[in-house]
Amino acid sequence: MKIKKFTVNPFQMNCYIYYDEDSLEGVIIDPGAYDKYEEDEIISFVDSKNIKLKYSLNTHGHIDHVLGNKFASSCFNIPQMIHGDDLFLLENAKIHGMVFGINIDEVPTPDEYITEELVLPIGESELRFIHTPGHSPGGVCIVDHLNKIVFSGDTIFRESIGRTDLSGGNINILLDSIHNKLFYQCDDDYTLYPGHMDETTIGKEKRYNPFLR
């Protein structure tokens, strides 16, 4: 499996293309492209590698992660998916954008909803989902157990965690999600690809993350 990261929009959010290098099946994770340049950069990469995107996945519904939902689903003709508990964030995305001085169209209603029972095959691998609320009610981590990869959204970062002062945030719920769900299901050698900043590993975060001691 291959990973391509695009750091996009005014919030410097990490959008990922995750794809199988043999079958060329893939997904786009948090398609937060804000302008045509960022959209064209993603399109150019997908076209150059002949990637067959199957799904557009949101780790959660905050504005920086959903700015490109309409672009991704319409450009690549793929279903848009998010956990149902964050639907209220999508419905209020235009208002949230105005708070930050960003004018966006209404974010489309998801085509499907992410659950912990959902399994998405990608080439020889498969993606599973861990519901990790706390940063937002519908936050999820997207996991490829075969390759020990986690796309953690804003649940956990390198030596930090997601903020909990936004609507639906709760520090105790977030810490419980990290310790008792993410760390329980994924071992220390899993690599974390977060929604902001650089990748890390679960082992490093257990050892060095000041919020988790």
N, C-alpha and C. Protein backbone atom coordinates (compact mmCIF):
# COMPACT_ATOMS: atom_id res chain seq x y z
N MET A 1 0.84 -1.19 0.00
CA MET A 1 0.00 0.00 0.00
C MET A 1 0.87 1.25 0.00
N LYS A 2 0.38 2.28 -0.70
CA LYS A 2 1.11 3.53 -0.80
C LYS A 2 0.26 4.67 -0.23
N ILE A 3 0.96 5.68 0.28
CA ILE A 3 0.29 6.84 0.88
C ILE A 3 0.85 8.11 0.24
N LYS A 4 -0.06 8.98 -0.19
CA LYS A 4 0.31 10.30 -0.68
C LYS A 4 -0.41 11.33 0.18
N LYS A 5 0.36 12.24 0.77
CA LYS A 5 -0.22 13.26 1.64
C LYS A 5 -0.24 14.61 0.92
N PHE A 6 -1.37 15.29 1.02
CA PHE A 6 -1.51 16.66 0.54
C PHE A 6 -1.88 17.53 1.75
N THR A 7 -1.09 18.53 2.04
CA THR A 7 -1.43 19.46 3.12
C THR A 7 -2.15 20.64 2.49
N VAL A 8 -3.43 20.79 2.84
CA VAL A 8 -4.32 21.68 2.09
C VAL A 8 -5.08 22.64 3.01
N ASN A 9 -5.65 23.63 2.39
CA ASN A 9 -6.55 24.65 2.93
C ASN A 9 -5.89 25.52 4.01
N PRO A 10 -6.55 26.59 4.42
CA PRO A 10 -5.93 27.51 5.38
C PRO A 10 -5.61 26.88 6.74
N PHE A 11 -6.18 25.71 7.02
CA PHE A 11 -5.94 25.05 8.30
C PHE A 11 -4.78 24.06 8.26
N GLN A 12 -4.12 23.95 7.09
CA GLN A 12 -3.00 23.03 6.93
C GLN A 12 -3.38 21.60 7.35
N MET A 13 -4.44 21.13 6.75
CA MET A 13 -5.00 19.82 7.04
C MET A 13 -4.42 18.78 6.09
N ASN A 14 -4.18 17.59 6.60
CA ASN A 14 -3.61 16.51 5.80
C ASN A 14 -4.71 15.69 5.12
N CYS A 15 -4.74 15.78 3.80
CA CYS A 15 -5.58 14.91 2.97
C CYS A 15 -4.69 13.77 2.47
N TYR A 16 -5.22 12.56 2.49
CA TYR A 16 -4.43 11.40 2.07
C TYR A 16 -5.10 10.65 0.93
N ILE A 17 -4.27 10.20 -0.01
CA ILE A 17 -4.66 9.17 -0.97
C ILE A 17 -3.99 7.88 -0.53
N TYR A 18 -4.78 6.86 -0.24
CA TYR A 18 -4.25 5.57 0.21
C TYR A 18 -4.64 4.54 -0.83
N TYR A 19 -3.63 3.90 -1.44
CA TYR A 19 -3.95 3.02 -2.56
C TYR A 19 -3.04 1.81 -2.63
N ASP A 20 -3.58 0.76 -3.24
CA ASP A 20 -2.86 -0.48 -3.45
C ASP A 20 -2.07 -0.37 -4.75
N GLU A 21 -0.78 -0.59 -4.68
CA GLU A 21 0.08 -0.38 -5.85
C GLU A 21 -0.08 -1.45 -6.92
N ASP A 22 -0.71 -2.58 -6.59
CA ASP A 22 -0.93 -3.61 -7.59
C ASP A 22 -2.28 -3.44 -8.30
N SER A 23 -3.35 -3.42 -7.53
CA SER A 23 -4.68 -3.26 -8.12
C SER A 23 -4.99 -1.81 -8.48
N LEU A 24 -4.25 -0.87 -7.85
CA LEU A 24 -4.46 0.58 -7.99
C LEU A 24 -5.79 1.06 -7.44
N GLU A 25 -6.46 0.21 -6.64
CA GLU A 25 -7.64 0.65 -5.92
C GLU A 25 -7.22 1.54 -4.76
N GLY A 26 -8.05 2.56 -4.46
CA GLY A 26 -7.67 3.46 -3.39
C GLY A 26 -8.84 4.24 -2.83
N VAL A 27 -8.53 5.03 -1.81
CA VAL A 27 -9.51 5.91 -1.19
C VAL A 27 -8.88 7.28 -1.00
N ILE A 28 -9.72 8.29 -0.90
CA ILE A 28 -9.26 9.61 -0.50
C ILE A 28 -9.82 9.87 0.90
N ILE A 29 -8.94 10.29 1.79
CA ILE A 29 -9.30 10.47 3.19
C ILE A 29 -9.22 11.96 3.53
N ASP A 30 -10.31 12.50 4.03
CA ASP A 30 -10.43 13.92 4.38
C ASP A 30 -10.06 14.82 3.19
N PRO A 31 -10.92 14.85 2.18
CA PRO A 31 -10.63 15.62 0.96
C PRO A 31 -10.85 17.11 1.17
N GLY A 32 -9.95 17.75 1.92
CA GLY A 32 -10.17 19.14 2.33
C GLY A 32 -9.70 20.19 1.37
N ALA A 33 -9.60 19.87 0.09
CA ALA A 33 -9.11 20.86 -0.89
C ALA A 33 -9.99 22.10 -0.88
N TYR A 34 -9.32 23.27 -0.84
CA TYR A 34 -10.03 24.53 -0.68
C TYR A 34 -10.15 25.32 -1.98
N ASP A 35 -9.16 25.22 -2.86
CA ASP A 35 -9.18 26.00 -4.08
C ASP A 35 -8.84 25.11 -5.28
N LYS A 36 -8.90 25.71 -6.47
CA LYS A 36 -8.70 24.93 -7.69
C LYS A 36 -7.28 24.36 -7.77
N TYR A 37 -6.31 25.11 -7.28
CA TYR A 37 -4.94 24.60 -7.32
C TYR A 37 -4.83 23.30 -6.54
N GLU A 38 -5.41 23.27 -5.35
CA GLU A 38 -5.35 22.06 -4.53
C GLU A 38 -6.14 20.92 -5.17
N GLU A 39 -7.29 21.23 -5.73
CA GLU A 39 -8.07 20.21 -6.42
C GLU A 39 -7.29 19.64 -7.60
N ASP A 40 -6.68 20.51 -8.40
CA ASP A 40 -5.93 20.06 -9.57
C ASP A 40 -4.72 19.22 -9.17
N GLU A 41 -4.10 19.56 -8.04
CA GLU A 41 -2.95 18.79 -7.58
C GLU A 41 -3.37 17.35 -7.24
N ILE A 42 -4.51 17.21 -6.60
CA ILE A 42 -5.01 15.87 -6.25
C ILE A 42 -5.40 15.11 -7.52
N ILE A 43 -6.12 15.77 -8.41
CA ILE A 43 -6.53 15.13 -9.67
C ILE A 43 -5.32 14.67 -10.46
N SER A 44 -4.31 15.53 -10.55
CA SER A 44 -3.11 15.20 -11.32
C SER A 44 -2.41 13.96 -10.77
N PHE A 45 -2.33 13.88 -9.45
CA PHE A 45 -1.67 12.71 -8.86
C PHE A 45 -2.47 11.44 -9.13
N VAL A 46 -3.77 11.49 -8.92
CA VAL A 46 -4.61 10.32 -9.14
C VAL A 46 -4.53 9.87 -10.60
N ASP A 47 -4.58 10.81 -11.51
CA ASP A 47 -4.51 10.48 -12.94
C ASP A 47 -3.14 9.92 -13.31
N SER A 48 -2.08 10.51 -12.78
CA SER A 48 -0.72 10.08 -13.14
C SER A 48 -0.43 8.66 -12.69
N LYS A 49 -1.07 8.23 -11.60
CA LYS A 49 -0.85 6.88 -11.08
C LYS A 49 -1.94 5.90 -11.52
N ASN A 50 -2.93 6.42 -12.25
CA ASN A 50 -4.06 5.59 -12.69
C ASN A 50 -4.80 4.95 -11.52
N ILE A 51 -4.93 5.69 -10.44
CA ILE A 51 -5.59 5.18 -9.25
C ILE A 51 -7.10 5.16 -9.46
N LYS A 52 -7.70 4.07 -9.04
CA LYS A 52 -9.15 3.92 -9.12
C LYS A 52 -9.74 4.15 -7.73
N LEU A 53 -10.07 5.40 -7.45
CA LEU A 53 -10.62 5.71 -6.15
C LEU A 53 -12.00 5.08 -5.98
N LYS A 54 -12.24 4.48 -4.81
CA LYS A 54 -13.51 3.79 -4.54
C LYS A 54 -14.39 4.53 -3.55
N TYR A 55 -13.77 5.28 -2.62
CA TYR A 55 -14.53 5.95 -1.58
C TYR A 55 -13.85 7.26 -1.19
N SER A 56 -14.66 8.19 -0.70
CA SER A 56 -14.18 9.40 -0.05
C SER A 56 -14.59 9.32 1.41
N LEU A 57 -13.61 9.36 2.31
CA LEU A 57 -13.86 9.08 3.73
C LEU A 57 -13.49 10.29 4.58
N ASN A 58 -14.38 10.66 5.48
CA ASN A 58 -14.10 11.70 6.47
C ASN A 58 -13.79 11.06 7.81
N THR A 59 -12.68 11.48 8.44
CA THR A 59 -12.41 11.03 9.81
C THR A 59 -13.34 11.72 10.79
N HIS A 60 -13.82 12.91 10.45
CA HIS A 60 -14.82 13.62 11.25
C HIS A 60 -15.34 14.79 10.43
N GLY A 61 -16.24 15.59 11.02
CA GLY A 61 -16.98 16.56 10.24
C GLY A 61 -16.57 18.01 10.39
N HIS A 62 -15.44 18.32 11.01
CA HIS A 62 -15.05 19.72 11.13
C HIS A 62 -14.71 20.32 9.77
N ILE A 63 -14.89 21.63 9.68
CA ILE A 63 -14.86 22.34 8.41
C ILE A 63 -13.60 22.07 7.59
N ASP A 64 -12.43 22.00 8.25
CA ASP A 64 -11.19 21.83 7.50
C ASP A 64 -11.09 20.47 6.84
N HIS A 65 -11.83 19.49 7.35
CA HIS A 65 -11.76 18.14 6.80
C HIS A 65 -12.81 17.87 5.73
N VAL A 66 -13.80 18.73 5.61
CA VAL A 66 -14.91 18.47 4.69
C VAL A 66 -15.01 19.51 3.57
N LEU A 67 -14.07 20.44 3.51
CA LEU A 67 -14.13 21.49 2.48
C LEU A 67 -14.19 20.92 1.07
N GLY A 68 -13.55 19.78 0.86
CA GLY A 68 -13.51 19.20 -0.48
C GLY A 68 -14.44 18.02 -0.69
N ASN A 69 -15.41 17.84 0.20
CA ASN A 69 -16.31 16.69 0.04
C ASN A 69 -17.04 16.70 -1.30
N LYS A 70 -17.58 17.84 -1.64
CA LYS A 70 -18.32 17.94 -2.92
C LYS A 70 -17.39 17.71 -4.09
N PHE A 71 -16.21 18.30 -4.04
CA PHE A 71 -15.22 18.10 -5.10
C PHE A 71 -14.88 16.63 -5.28
N ALA A 72 -14.56 15.94 -4.19
CA ALA A 72 -14.10 14.56 -4.30
C ALA A 72 -15.19 13.63 -4.82
N SER A 73 -16.39 13.76 -4.28
CA SER A 73 -17.45 12.84 -4.68
C SER A 73 -17.89 13.06 -6.12
N SER A 74 -17.93 14.34 -6.54
CA SER A 74 -18.38 14.63 -7.90
C SER A 74 -17.28 14.40 -8.93
N CYS A 75 -16.05 14.78 -8.61
CA CYS A 75 -14.95 14.64 -9.57
C CYS A 75 -14.63 13.18 -9.85
N PHE A 76 -14.61 12.36 -8.79
CA PHE A 76 -14.23 10.97 -8.95
C PHE A 76 -15.42 10.01 -8.97
N ASN A 77 -16.62 10.57 -8.83
CA ASN A 77 -17.85 9.78 -8.88
C ASN A 77 -17.81 8.62 -7.88
N ILE A 78 -17.55 8.98 -6.63
CA ILE A 78 -17.42 7.99 -5.57
C ILE A 78 -18.31 8.39 -4.39
N PRO A 79 -18.74 7.43 -3.58
CA PRO A 79 -19.57 7.76 -2.42
C PRO A 79 -18.78 8.47 -1.34
N GLN A 80 -19.43 9.43 -0.69
CA GLN A 80 -18.87 10.15 0.43
C GLN A 80 -19.36 9.53 1.72
N MET A 81 -18.44 9.27 2.68
CA MET A 81 -18.79 8.55 3.88
C MET A 81 -18.27 9.25 5.12
N ILE A 82 -19.08 9.24 6.19
CA ILE A 82 -18.72 9.84 7.47
C ILE A 82 -19.54 9.14 8.55
N HIS A 83 -19.11 9.24 9.78
CA HIS A 83 -19.90 8.68 10.87
C HIS A 83 -21.14 9.54 11.10
N GLY A 84 -22.27 8.90 11.34
CA GLY A 84 -23.54 9.62 11.45
C GLY A 84 -23.59 10.63 12.59
N ASP A 85 -22.80 10.43 13.63
CA ASP A 85 -22.84 11.35 14.77
C ASP A 85 -22.27 12.73 14.44
N ASP A 86 -21.60 12.86 13.30
CA ASP A 86 -21.08 14.17 12.89
C ASP A 86 -21.91 14.81 11.78
N LEU A 87 -23.07 14.26 11.50
CA LEU A 87 -23.91 14.83 10.46
C LEU A 87 -24.27 16.28 10.77
N PHE A 88 -24.47 16.60 12.05
CA PHE A 88 -24.84 17.98 12.41
C PHE A 88 -23.74 18.97 12.05
N LEU A 89 -22.49 18.51 12.04
CA LEU A 89 -21.39 19.39 11.64
C LEU A 89 -21.42 19.67 10.14
N LEU A 90 -21.77 18.68 9.35
CA LEU A 90 -21.90 18.90 7.91
C LEU A 90 -23.05 19.86 7.63
N GLU A 91 -24.14 19.70 8.34
CA GLU A 91 -25.31 20.55 8.12
C GLU A 91 -25.04 22.01 8.48
N ASN A 92 -24.07 22.25 9.35
CA ASN A 92 -23.75 23.61 9.77
C ASN A 92 -22.40 24.08 9.23
N ALA A 93 -21.86 23.36 8.25
CA ALA A 93 -20.52 23.67 7.75
C ALA A 93 -20.44 25.08 7.15
N LYS A 94 -21.46 25.50 6.44
CA LYS A 94 -21.43 26.83 5.83
C LYS A 94 -21.34 27.92 6.90
N ILE A 95 -22.09 27.74 7.99
CA ILE A 95 -22.04 28.69 9.10
C ILE A 95 -20.66 28.67 9.76
N HIS A 96 -20.12 27.47 9.98
CA HIS A 96 -18.80 27.36 10.58
C HIS A 96 -17.75 28.02 9.70
N GLY A 97 -17.88 27.86 8.39
CA GLY A 97 -16.95 28.50 7.47
C GLY A 97 -16.97 30.01 7.60
N MET A 98 -18.14 30.58 7.76
CA MET A 98 -18.26 32.03 7.89
C MET A 98 -17.55 32.53 9.13
N VAL A 99 -17.55 31.74 10.20
CA VAL A 99 -16.84 32.12 11.42
C VAL A 99 -15.36 32.32 11.16
N PHE A 100 -14.81 31.50 10.26
CA PHE A 100 -13.39 31.57 9.93
C PHE A 100 -13.11 32.38 8.67
N GLY A 101 -14.13 33.07 8.16
CA GLY A 101 -13.96 33.88 6.97
C GLY A 101 -13.84 33.08 5.70
N ILE A 102 -14.40 31.89 5.69
CA ILE A 102 -14.32 31.02 4.52
C ILE A 102 -15.72 30.84 3.95
N ASN A 103 -15.88 31.16 2.69
CA ASN A 103 -17.16 31.03 2.03
C ASN A 103 -17.19 29.73 1.24
N ILE A 104 -18.05 28.81 1.63
CA ILE A 104 -18.14 27.53 0.95
C ILE A 104 -19.58 27.23 0.61
N ASP A 105 -19.76 26.33 -0.35
CA ASP A 105 -21.09 25.84 -0.67
C ASP A 105 -21.56 24.92 0.45
N GLU A 106 -22.83 24.61 0.43
CA GLU A 106 -23.34 23.61 1.36
C GLU A 106 -22.61 22.29 1.13
N VAL A 107 -22.25 21.63 2.23
CA VAL A 107 -21.58 20.33 2.12
C VAL A 107 -22.64 19.27 1.84
N PRO A 108 -22.46 18.45 0.81
CA PRO A 108 -23.49 17.46 0.47
C PRO A 108 -23.75 16.46 1.59
N THR A 109 -24.96 15.96 1.62
CA THR A 109 -25.31 14.88 2.55
C THR A 109 -24.51 13.63 2.19
N PRO A 110 -23.98 12.92 3.17
CA PRO A 110 -23.20 11.71 2.88
C PRO A 110 -24.02 10.67 2.11
N ASP A 111 -23.32 9.89 1.31
CA ASP A 111 -23.98 8.79 0.61
C ASP A 111 -24.15 7.58 1.51
N GLU A 112 -23.19 7.37 2.40
CA GLU A 112 -23.23 6.25 3.33
C GLU A 112 -22.63 6.69 4.66
N TYR A 113 -22.90 5.90 5.71
CA TYR A 113 -22.39 6.24 7.03
C TYR A 113 -21.39 5.19 7.51
N ILE A 114 -20.36 5.66 8.15
CA ILE A 114 -19.33 4.80 8.70
C ILE A 114 -19.81 4.22 10.03
N THR A 115 -19.59 2.93 10.21
CA THR A 115 -19.86 2.25 11.48
C THR A 115 -18.65 1.37 11.81
N GLU A 116 -18.60 0.89 13.03
CA GLU A 116 -17.50 0.01 13.41
C GLU A 116 -17.63 -1.37 12.76
N GLU A 117 -18.78 -1.68 12.23
CA GLU A 117 -18.98 -2.97 11.56
C GLU A 117 -18.56 -2.92 10.09
N LEU A 118 -18.37 -1.72 9.57
CA LEU A 118 -18.06 -1.56 8.15
C LEU A 118 -16.65 -2.04 7.83
N VAL A 119 -16.51 -2.76 6.73
CA VAL A 119 -15.21 -3.20 6.22
C VAL A 119 -15.14 -2.84 4.74
N LEU A 120 -14.10 -2.11 4.34
CA LEU A 120 -13.94 -1.70 2.95
C LEU A 120 -12.71 -2.36 2.36
N PRO A 121 -12.87 -3.27 1.39
CA PRO A 121 -11.69 -3.88 0.76
C PRO A 121 -11.00 -2.92 -0.19
N ILE A 122 -9.67 -2.87 -0.08
CA ILE A 122 -8.84 -2.07 -0.98
C ILE A 122 -7.69 -2.95 -1.44
N GLY A 123 -7.76 -3.44 -2.67
CA GLY A 123 -6.75 -4.38 -3.13
C GLY A 123 -6.73 -5.62 -2.25
N GLU A 124 -5.54 -5.99 -1.76
CA GLU A 124 -5.39 -7.14 -0.89
C GLU A 124 -5.62 -6.79 0.58
N SER A 125 -5.81 -5.51 0.87
CA SER A 125 -6.02 -5.07 2.24
C SER A 125 -7.49 -4.73 2.47
N GLU A 126 -7.80 -4.32 3.69
CA GLU A 126 -9.14 -3.87 3.99
C GLU A 126 -9.06 -2.78 5.06
N LEU A 127 -9.99 -1.85 4.99
CA LEU A 127 -10.06 -0.77 5.96
C LEU A 127 -11.17 -1.05 6.96
N ARG A 128 -10.83 -0.88 8.24
CA ARG A 128 -11.80 -0.98 9.31
C ARG A 128 -11.84 0.33 10.08
N PHE A 129 -12.82 0.49 10.94
CA PHE A 129 -13.06 1.78 11.56
C PHE A 129 -13.24 1.64 13.07
N ILE A 130 -12.58 2.53 13.81
CA ILE A 130 -12.74 2.62 15.25
C ILE A 130 -13.41 3.95 15.57
N HIS A 131 -14.57 3.89 16.18
CA HIS A 131 -15.27 5.12 16.58
C HIS A 131 -14.53 5.71 17.77
N THR A 132 -13.95 6.90 17.60
CA THR A 132 -13.13 7.53 18.63
C THR A 132 -13.65 8.94 18.93
N PRO A 133 -14.82 9.05 19.54
CA PRO A 133 -15.37 10.37 19.86
C PRO A 133 -14.53 11.10 20.90
N GLY A 134 -14.79 12.39 21.02
CA GLY A 134 -14.10 13.22 22.00
C GLY A 134 -13.66 14.52 21.39
N HIS A 135 -13.01 14.46 20.23
CA HIS A 135 -12.73 15.67 19.45
C HIS A 135 -14.01 16.14 18.79
N SER A 136 -14.75 15.19 18.28
CA SER A 136 -16.11 15.41 17.78
C SER A 136 -16.89 14.13 18.08
N PRO A 137 -18.22 14.19 18.11
CA PRO A 137 -18.99 12.98 18.46
C PRO A 137 -18.80 11.83 17.48
N GLY A 138 -18.58 12.15 16.20
CA GLY A 138 -18.47 11.11 15.19
C GLY A 138 -17.07 10.87 14.68
N GLY A 139 -16.06 11.23 15.46
CA GLY A 139 -14.69 11.00 15.03
C GLY A 139 -14.38 9.52 14.89
N VAL A 140 -13.62 9.17 13.86
CA VAL A 140 -13.20 7.78 13.67
C VAL A 140 -11.72 7.73 13.32
N CYS A 141 -11.11 6.60 13.63
CA CYS A 141 -9.79 6.26 13.10
C CYS A 141 -9.98 5.18 12.05
N ILE A 142 -9.29 5.33 10.95
CA ILE A 142 -9.39 4.40 9.83
C ILE A 142 -8.16 3.49 9.87
N VAL A 143 -8.36 2.19 9.95
CA VAL A 143 -7.27 1.27 10.25
C VAL A 143 -7.10 0.21 9.16
N ASP A 144 -5.85 0.01 8.76
CA ASP A 144 -5.45 -1.12 7.92
C ASP A 144 -4.58 -2.01 8.78
N HIS A 145 -5.16 -3.06 9.34
CA HIS A 145 -4.42 -3.92 10.27
C HIS A 145 -3.33 -4.71 9.56
N LEU A 146 -3.55 -5.07 8.31
CA LEU A 146 -2.55 -5.85 7.59
C LEU A 146 -1.23 -5.10 7.47
N ASN A 147 -1.32 -3.80 7.18
CA ASN A 147 -0.12 -2.99 7.00
C ASN A 147 0.20 -2.11 8.20
N LYS A 148 -0.58 -2.24 9.28
CA LYS A 148 -0.35 -1.53 10.53
C LYS A 148 -0.32 -0.01 10.33
N ILE A 149 -1.39 0.46 9.67
CA ILE A 149 -1.54 1.87 9.35
C ILE A 149 -2.83 2.38 9.99
N VAL A 150 -2.76 3.58 10.59
CA VAL A 150 -3.95 4.23 11.15
C VAL A 150 -4.02 5.67 10.65
N PHE A 151 -5.13 6.04 10.05
CA PHE A 151 -5.41 7.44 9.73
C PHE A 151 -6.26 7.97 10.89
N SER A 152 -5.65 8.79 11.73
CA SER A 152 -6.25 9.10 13.03
C SER A 152 -7.01 10.41 13.06
N GLY A 153 -7.11 11.12 11.92
CA GLY A 153 -7.85 12.37 11.92
C GLY A 153 -7.31 13.31 12.98
N ASP A 154 -8.22 13.91 13.78
CA ASP A 154 -7.80 14.81 14.86
C ASP A 154 -7.97 14.16 16.23
N THR A 155 -8.01 12.84 16.26
CA THR A 155 -8.08 12.14 17.54
C THR A 155 -6.76 12.28 18.29
N ILE A 156 -5.66 12.03 17.59
CA ILE A 156 -4.34 12.06 18.20
C ILE A 156 -3.33 12.57 17.17
N PHE A 157 -2.38 13.36 17.66
CA PHE A 157 -1.31 13.88 16.82
C PHE A 157 0.04 13.48 17.41
N ARG A 158 1.08 13.89 16.72
CA ARG A 158 2.43 13.69 17.26
C ARG A 158 2.60 14.55 18.51
N GLU A 159 2.66 13.89 19.65
CA GLU A 159 2.83 14.53 20.97
C GLU A 159 1.71 15.52 21.29
N SER A 160 0.52 15.25 20.79
CA SER A 160 -0.63 16.08 21.11
C SER A 160 -1.90 15.28 20.85
N ILE A 161 -3.05 15.89 21.17
CA ILE A 161 -4.35 15.28 20.90
C ILE A 161 -5.27 16.35 20.33
N GLY A 162 -6.42 15.93 19.84
CA GLY A 162 -7.36 16.88 19.28
C GLY A 162 -7.95 17.80 20.34
N ARG A 163 -8.27 19.02 19.94
CA ARG A 163 -8.89 19.96 20.86
C ARG A 163 -10.30 19.48 21.22
N THR A 164 -10.75 19.88 22.38
CA THR A 164 -12.06 19.40 22.84
C THR A 164 -12.98 20.55 23.24
N ASP A 165 -12.64 21.77 22.81
CA ASP A 165 -13.45 22.93 23.17
C ASP A 165 -14.44 23.32 22.08
N LEU A 166 -14.55 22.50 21.05
CA LEU A 166 -15.53 22.75 19.99
C LEU A 166 -16.81 21.98 20.28
N SER A 167 -17.85 22.26 19.50
CA SER A 167 -19.15 21.65 19.72
C SER A 167 -19.06 20.12 19.71
N GLY A 168 -19.53 19.51 20.80
CA GLY A 168 -19.50 18.05 20.90
C GLY A 168 -18.21 17.48 21.43
N GLY A 169 -17.22 18.33 21.74
CA GLY A 169 -15.95 17.86 22.26
C GLY A 169 -16.01 17.54 23.74
N ASN A 170 -15.18 16.58 24.16
CA ASN A 170 -15.15 16.19 25.57
C ASN A 170 -13.81 15.53 25.86
N ILE A 171 -13.00 16.12 26.72
CA ILE A 171 -11.65 15.63 26.97
C ILE A 171 -11.66 14.23 27.57
N ASN A 172 -12.57 13.95 28.48
CA ASN A 172 -12.60 12.62 29.10
C ASN A 172 -12.98 11.54 28.10
N ILE A 173 -13.93 11.86 27.24
CA ILE A 173 -14.34 10.90 26.21
C ILE A 173 -13.20 10.67 25.23
N LEU A 174 -12.48 11.74 24.86
CA LEU A 174 -11.37 11.61 23.92
C LEU A 174 -10.26 10.73 24.51
N LEU A 175 -9.88 10.98 25.74
CA LEU A 175 -8.83 10.17 26.36
C LEU A 175 -9.25 8.71 26.47
N ASP A 176 -10.51 8.48 26.78
CA ASP A 176 -11.01 7.11 26.82
C ASP A 176 -10.95 6.46 25.45
N SER A 177 -11.30 7.22 24.40
CA SER A 177 -11.23 6.69 23.03
C SER A 177 -9.81 6.27 22.67
N ILE A 178 -8.84 7.10 23.08
CA ILE A 178 -7.45 6.81 22.74
C ILE A 178 -6.93 5.61 23.52
N HIS A 179 -7.10 5.63 24.84
CA HIS A 179 -6.52 4.59 25.68
C HIS A 179 -7.25 3.25 25.53
N ASN A 180 -8.57 3.29 25.52
CA ASN A 180 -9.34 2.06 25.63
C ASN A 180 -9.92 1.54 24.32
N LYS A 181 -9.77 2.31 23.26
CA LYS A 181 -10.22 1.83 21.95
C LYS A 181 -9.05 1.77 20.97
N LEU A 182 -8.44 2.90 20.66
CA LEU A 182 -7.34 2.91 19.68
C LEU A 182 -6.16 2.09 20.17
N PHE A 183 -5.67 2.37 21.38
CA PHE A 183 -4.50 1.65 21.88
C PHE A 183 -4.81 0.19 22.19
N TYR A 184 -6.06 -0.11 22.48
CA TYR A 184 -6.45 -1.50 22.75
C TYR A 184 -6.45 -2.33 21.46
N GLN A 185 -6.86 -1.71 20.36
CA GLN A 185 -7.00 -2.46 19.10
C GLN A 185 -5.76 -2.42 18.22
N CYS A 186 -4.85 -1.48 18.47
CA CYS A 186 -3.68 -1.31 17.61
C CYS A 186 -2.41 -1.33 18.46
N ASP A 187 -1.41 -2.07 18.03
CA ASP A 187 -0.18 -2.24 18.80
C ASP A 187 0.78 -1.06 18.63
N ASP A 188 1.88 -1.10 19.37
CA ASP A 188 2.83 0.00 19.39
C ASP A 188 3.47 0.27 18.04
N ASP A 189 3.57 -0.75 17.18
CA ASP A 189 4.26 -0.57 15.90
C ASP A 189 3.35 -0.08 14.79
N TYR A 190 2.12 0.27 15.10
CA TYR A 190 1.24 0.87 14.10
C TYR A 190 1.65 2.32 13.87
N THR A 191 1.69 2.73 12.61
CA THR A 191 2.01 4.11 12.27
C THR A 191 0.74 4.94 12.19
N LEU A 192 0.77 6.11 12.82
CA LEU A 192 -0.36 7.03 12.83
C LEU A 192 -0.14 8.13 11.80
N TYR A 193 -1.13 8.32 10.93
CA TYR A 193 -1.14 9.43 9.98
C TYR A 193 -2.26 10.38 10.38
N PRO A 194 -1.92 11.47 11.06
CA PRO A 194 -2.94 12.35 11.63
C PRO A 194 -3.45 13.40 10.66
N GLY A 195 -4.48 14.12 11.12
CA GLY A 195 -5.09 15.15 10.29
C GLY A 195 -4.27 16.42 10.19
N HIS A 196 -3.28 16.57 11.05
CA HIS A 196 -2.38 17.72 11.02
C HIS A 196 -0.99 17.25 11.48
N MET A 197 0.02 17.90 10.99
CA MET A 197 1.41 17.60 11.38
C MET A 197 1.87 16.25 10.81
N ASP A 198 3.01 15.77 11.33
CA ASP A 198 3.67 14.61 10.75
C ASP A 198 3.21 13.30 11.39
N GLU A 199 3.54 12.21 10.71
CA GLU A 199 3.18 10.89 11.21
C GLU A 199 4.01 10.53 12.45
N THR A 200 3.53 9.55 13.17
CA THR A 200 4.19 9.06 14.37
C THR A 200 3.80 7.60 14.55
N THR A 201 4.08 7.01 15.69
CA THR A 201 3.65 5.65 15.97
C THR A 201 2.92 5.61 17.30
N ILE A 202 2.14 4.57 17.49
CA ILE A 202 1.44 4.43 18.76
C ILE A 202 2.44 4.28 19.90
N GLY A 203 3.50 3.53 19.68
CA GLY A 203 4.51 3.35 20.72
C GLY A 203 5.14 4.67 21.15
N LYS A 204 5.44 5.53 20.20
CA LYS A 204 6.03 6.83 20.53
C LYS A 204 5.06 7.69 21.31
N GLU A 205 3.79 7.63 20.93
CA GLU A 205 2.81 8.46 21.64
C GLU A 205 2.56 7.96 23.05
N LYS A 206 2.59 6.67 23.27
CA LYS A 206 2.48 6.16 24.63
C LYS A 206 3.63 6.64 25.51
N ARG A 207 4.78 6.80 24.88
CA ARG A 207 5.98 7.16 25.64
C ARG A 207 6.15 8.67 25.80
N TYR A 208 5.85 9.44 24.73
CA TYR A 208 6.23 10.86 24.74
C TYR A 208 5.07 11.84 24.76
N ASN A 209 3.85 11.40 24.50
CA ASN A 209 2.74 12.34 24.40
C ASN A 209 2.37 12.84 25.81
N PRO A 210 2.55 14.13 26.08
CA PRO A 210 2.31 14.63 27.45
C PRO A 210 0.84 14.57 27.86
N PHE A 211 -0.07 14.51 26.91
CA PHE A 211 -1.49 14.47 27.23
C PHE A 211 -1.96 13.06 27.65
N LEU A 212 -1.10 12.07 27.42
CA LEU A 212 -1.52 10.69 27.64
C LEU A 212 -0.82 10.04 28.82
N ARG A 213 -0.06 10.80 29.56
CA ARG A 213 0.66 10.23 30.71
C ARG A 213 -0.24 10.16 31.93
